[in-house]
C-alpha atoms as a PDB file:
ATOM      1  CA  MET A   1      92.705 108.800  75.606  1.00  0.00           C
ATOM      2  CA  LYS A   2      92.943 106.625  77.961  1.00  0.00           C
ATOM      3  CA  ARG A   3      95.989 105.415  79.696  1.00  0.00           C
ATOM      4  CA  TYR A   4      95.092 102.491  81.799  1.00  0.00           C
ATOM      5  CA  ALA A   5      91.073 101.123  82.149  1.00  0.00           C
ATOM      6  CA  LEU A   6      89.296  98.086  83.610  1.00  0.00           C
ATOM      7  CA  VAL A   7      87.900  95.765  81.028  1.00  0.00           C
ATOM      8  CA  ALA A   8      87.268  93.016  83.428  1.00  0.00           C
ATOM      9  CA  LEU A   9      87.612  91.705  86.852  1.00  0.00           C
ATOM     10  CA  GLN A  10      86.653  88.328  88.138  1.00  0.00           C
ATOM     11  CA  VAL A  11      87.301  87.414  92.111  1.00  0.00           C
ATOM     12  CA  SER A  12      86.474  84.904  94.604  1.00  0.00           C
ATOM     13  CA  GLY A  13      86.823  85.323  98.611  1.00  0.00           C
ATOM     14  CA  GLY A  14      87.416  82.375 100.628  1.00  0.00           C
ATOM     15  CA  THR A  15      88.624  80.827 104.690  1.00  0.00           C
ATOM     16  CA  PRO A  16      91.807  79.311 104.743  1.00  0.00           C
ATOM     17  CA  PRO A  17      92.729  77.456 102.710  1.00  0.00           C
ATOM     18  CA  PHE A  18      91.308  79.117 100.336  1.00  0.00           C
ATOM     19  CA  ALA A  19      93.255  82.535  99.712  1.00  0.00           C
ATOM     20  CA  PRO A  20      91.193  84.996  98.203  1.00  0.00           C
ATOM     21  CA  THR A  21      92.117  85.488  94.239  1.00  0.00           C
ATOM     22  CA  ALA A  22      91.543  87.972  91.594  1.00  0.00           C
ATOM     23  CA  THR A  23      92.062  88.178  88.004  1.00  0.00           C
ATOM     24  CA  VAL A  24      91.868  91.424  86.732  1.00  0.00           C
ATOM     25  CA  SER A  25      91.912  92.566  82.395  1.00  0.00           C
ATOM     26  CA  LEU A  26      93.567  96.347  81.869  1.00  0.00           C
ATOM     27  CA  LEU A  27      93.569  97.821  78.414  1.00  0.00           C
ATOM     28  CA  VAL A  28      97.498  99.362  79.162  1.00  0.00           C
ATOM     29  CA  ASP A  29      97.518 102.650  75.740  1.00  0.00           C
ATOM     30  CA  GLY A  30      95.598 100.638  73.837  1.00  0.00           C
ATOM     31  CA  ASP A  31      96.680  97.025  74.683  1.00  0.00           C
ATOM     32  CA  GLU A  32      94.754  94.363  77.016  1.00  0.00           C
ATOM     33  CA  VAL A  33      96.855  92.652  79.997  1.00  0.00           C
ATOM     34  CA  ARG A  34      95.498  89.779  82.011  1.00  0.00           C
ATOM     35  CA  GLU A  35      96.948  88.940  85.410  1.00  0.00           C
ATOM     36  CA  SER A  36      95.744  87.106  88.689  1.00  0.00           C
ATOM     37  CA  ALA A  37      97.004  87.672  92.228  1.00  0.00           C
ATOM     38  CA  VAL A  38      96.042  86.518  96.269  1.00  0.00           C
ATOM     39  CA  GLY A  39      95.335  88.373  98.514  1.00  0.00           C
ATOM     40  CA  SER A  40      94.262  89.241 102.323  1.00  0.00           C
ATOM     41  CA  GLY A  41      91.066  89.922 100.993  1.00  0.00           C
ATOM     42  CA  MET A  42      89.409  90.652  97.372  1.00  0.00           C
ATOM     43  CA  VAL A  43      90.361  93.965  97.120  1.00  0.00           C
ATOM     44  CA  ASP A  44      94.028  93.168  98.434  1.00  0.00           C
ATOM     45  CA  ALA A  45      93.814  90.993  95.631  1.00  0.00           C
ATOM     46  CA  ALA A  46      92.726  92.881  93.145  1.00  0.00           C
ATOM     47  CA  PHE A  47      94.703  95.646  93.980  1.00  0.00           C
ATOM     48  CA  ARG A  48      97.929  92.863  93.803  1.00  0.00           C
ATOM     49  CA  ALA A  49      96.415  91.649  89.910  1.00  0.00           C
ATOM     50  CA  VAL A  50      96.348  95.504  89.321  1.00  0.00           C
ATOM     51  CA  SER A  51     100.476  96.132  90.939  1.00  0.00           C
ATOM     52  CA  ARG A  52     101.127  92.891  88.394  1.00  0.00           C
ATOM     53  CA  VAL A  53     100.155  94.646  85.378  1.00  0.00           C
ATOM     54  CA  VAL A  54     101.079  98.054  86.133  1.00  0.00           C
ATOM     55  CA  GLU A  55     105.097  96.180  86.616  1.00  0.00           C
ATOM     56  CA  ILE A  56     104.099  94.583  83.522  1.00  0.00           C
ATOM     57  CA  ALA A  57     103.748  97.796  81.735  1.00  0.00           C
ATOM     58  CA  GLU A  58     105.655 100.036  83.208  1.00  0.00           C
ATOM     59  CA  GLY A  59     108.652  97.492  84.434  1.00  0.00           C
ATOM     60  CA  HIS A  60     108.572  98.702  87.938  1.00  0.00           C
ATOM     61  CA  ASN A  61     105.642  98.483  90.997  1.00  0.00           C
ATOM     62  CA  ASP A  62     106.388 100.629  93.372  1.00  0.00           C
ATOM     63  CA  ILE A  63     102.545 101.597  94.103  1.00  0.00           C
ATOM     64  CA  ALA A  64     101.755 102.430  97.606  1.00  0.00           C
ATOM     65  CA  LEU A  65      98.205 103.161  98.885  1.00  0.00           C
ATOM     66  CA  GLU A  66      98.285 106.200 100.994  1.00  0.00           C
ATOM     67  CA  SER A  67      94.320 106.236 102.178  1.00  0.00           C
ATOM     68  CA  TYR A  68      91.606 104.250 101.198  1.00  0.00           C
ATOM     69  CA  SER A  69      87.492 105.001 102.139  1.00  0.00           C
ATOM     70  CA  VAL A  70      84.055 103.752 101.020  1.00  0.00           C
ATOM     71  CA  VAL A  71      80.555 105.171 101.223  1.00  0.00           C
ATOM     72  CA  ALA A  72      77.325 104.753 100.315  1.00  0.00           C
ATOM     73  CA  VAL A  73      75.900 107.023  97.573  1.00  0.00           C
ATOM     74  CA  SER A  74      72.783 105.571  97.617  1.00  0.00           C
ATOM     75  CA  PRO A  75      70.371 103.441  99.631  1.00  0.00           C
ATOM     76  CA  GLY A  76      69.816 100.326 100.566  1.00  0.00           C
ATOM     77  CA  SER A  77      71.371  96.550  99.931  1.00  0.00           C
ATOM     78  CA  ASN A  78      71.869  97.172  96.384  1.00  0.00           C
ATOM     79  CA  ALA A  79      72.892 100.304  97.160  1.00  0.00           C
ATOM     80  CA  MET A  80      75.981 102.060  95.117  1.00  0.00           C
ATOM     81  CA  GLY A  81      79.022 102.202  96.365  1.00  0.00           C
ATOM     82  CA  ARG A  82      81.834 104.789  95.817  1.00  0.00           C
ATOM     83  CA  VAL A  83      85.248 104.537  96.652  1.00  0.00           C
ATOM     84  CA  ASP A  84      88.015 107.576  97.572  1.00  0.00           C
ATOM     85  CA  LEU A  85      91.626 106.568  97.438  1.00  0.00           C
ATOM     86  CA  LYS A  86      95.351 108.337  97.386  1.00  0.00           C
ATOM     87  CA  ILE A  87      97.882 106.865  96.027  1.00  0.00           C
ATOM     88  CA  ARG A  88     101.791 106.835  95.854  1.00  0.00           C
ATOM     89  CA  TRP A  89     103.480 105.860  93.042  1.00  0.00           C
ATOM     90  CA  SER A  90     107.467 106.679  92.077  1.00  0.00           C
ATOM     91  CA  ASN A  91     106.896 109.919  94.770  1.00  0.00           C
ATOM     92  CA  LEU A  92     103.831 111.226  93.216  1.00  0.00           C
ATOM     93  CA  ILE A  93     100.611 111.502  94.665  1.00  0.00           C
ATOM     94  CA  ALA A  94      97.304 110.908  92.913  1.00  0.00           C
ATOM     95  CA  TYR A  95      93.185 110.141  93.662  1.00  0.00           C
ATOM     96  CA  GLY A  96      91.189 108.312  92.041  1.00  0.00           C
ATOM     97  CA  ARG A  97      86.925 107.614  92.570  1.00  0.00           C
ATOM     98  CA  GLY A  98      85.222 104.966  91.952  1.00  0.00           C
ATOM     99  CA  GLU A  99      81.370 103.457  91.617  1.00  0.00           C
ATOM    100  CA  ASP A 100      79.869 100.550  91.739  1.00  0.00           C
ATOM    101  CA  ALA A 101      77.404  97.859  93.737  1.00  0.00           C
ATOM    102  CA  ASP A 102      80.092  96.102  94.296  1.00  0.00           C
ATOM    103  CA  VAL A 103      82.440  97.280  96.927  1.00  0.00           C
ATOM    104  CA  VAL A 104      85.622  95.761  95.059  1.00  0.00           C
ATOM    105  CA  VAL A 105      84.695  96.416  91.449  1.00  0.00           C
ATOM    106  CA  ALA A 106      84.721  99.664  92.375  1.00  0.00           C
ATOM    107  CA  SER A 107      87.751  99.610  94.967  1.00  0.00           C
ATOM    108  CA  THR A 108      89.669  98.027  91.572  1.00  0.00           C
ATOM    109  CA  LYS A 109      88.114 101.219  89.562  1.00  0.00           C
ATOM    110  CA  ALA A 110      89.367 103.785  91.946  1.00  0.00           C
ATOM    111  CA  LEU A 111      92.287 102.556  91.343  1.00  0.00           C
ATOM    112  CA  VAL A 112      92.963 102.407  87.641  1.00  0.00           C
ATOM    113  CA  ASP A 113      91.303 106.061  87.731  1.00  0.00           C
ATOM    114  CA  ALA A 114      94.477 107.180  90.245  1.00  0.00           C
ATOM    115  CA  LEU A 115      96.859 105.211  87.797  1.00  0.00           C
ATOM    116  CA  ASP A 116      95.431 106.364  84.810  1.00  0.00           C
ATOM    117  CA  ARG A 117      95.322 109.584  85.851  1.00  0.00           C
ATOM    118  CA  MET A 118      99.369 109.288  87.433  1.00  0.00           C
ATOM    119  CA  GLY A 119      99.909 107.893  83.789  1.00  0.00           C
ATOM    120  CA  ARG A 120      98.508 110.965  81.928  1.00  0.00           C
ATOM    121  CA  GLY A 121     100.769 113.510  84.351  1.00  0.00           C
ATOM    122  CA  GLU A 122      97.971 114.220  86.355  1.00  0.00           C
ATOM    123  CA  TYR A 123      99.390 113.562  89.877  1.00  0.00           C
ATOM    124  CA  ASP A 124      99.508 115.971  92.670  1.00  0.00           C
ATOM    125  CA  PRO A 125     102.453 118.680  92.629  1.00  0.00           C
ATOM    126  CA  TYR A 126     101.926 119.878  96.155  1.00  0.00           C
ATOM    127  CA  GLU A 127     102.286 116.808  97.421  1.00  0.00           C
ATOM    128  CA  GLN A 128     105.240 115.232  95.502  1.00  0.00           C
ATOM    129  CA  ASP A 129     107.573 113.542  97.522  1.00  0.00           C
ATOM    130  CA  LEU A 130     110.558 115.917  97.663  1.00  0.00           C
ATOM    131  CA  THR A 131     113.430 113.857  97.677  1.00  0.00           C
ATOM    132  CA  GLY A 132     112.418 113.134  94.418  1.00  0.00           C
ATOM    133  CA  ILE A 133     111.313 112.781  90.870  1.00  0.00           C
ATOM    134  CA  PRO A 134     111.387 109.997  88.725  1.00  0.00           C
ATOM    135  CA  SER A 135     113.403 110.098  85.442  1.00  0.00           C
END
C-alpha cells in the first residue's frame, strides 16, 4: 500500500505582482490532505505545497532536494517528460521518478514517489547521512 499518493494538483504561474501558486491533494496513509503554497516558480510552489502536507502528516518538514533532472521521453511539442530526483529527508536519501506531458505534474509525481518510497522504508542505506538516523 502506498504511504503517499498524488490525488490532484492545480498550479498557476505569473509575473510580479502575481506569484506562482500550487494546490496539491495527497493521500497520506489513506487520508486526503490538501495544502497550497506560493513559490519562485510553479515547480517550487508545488514542492512547497507537498512539503506542507508532509509537515502536517509527520510533524516535521526537513525535505531537501539533492538533485533534479528532466528529459523528454517522446518526440514533439506534446512530449512526455520524465523527472528523476533525489531527496534528503531526516538524514536519509530516496529517489523518485515521475512522467507526464506537464513538467510540473511530472516533478510533483517524482517528489511524491520519493516520499512514498521513504515512508515505506525504501531509502538508500549507502547514501545515508552518517551523522544521525532519525528516531
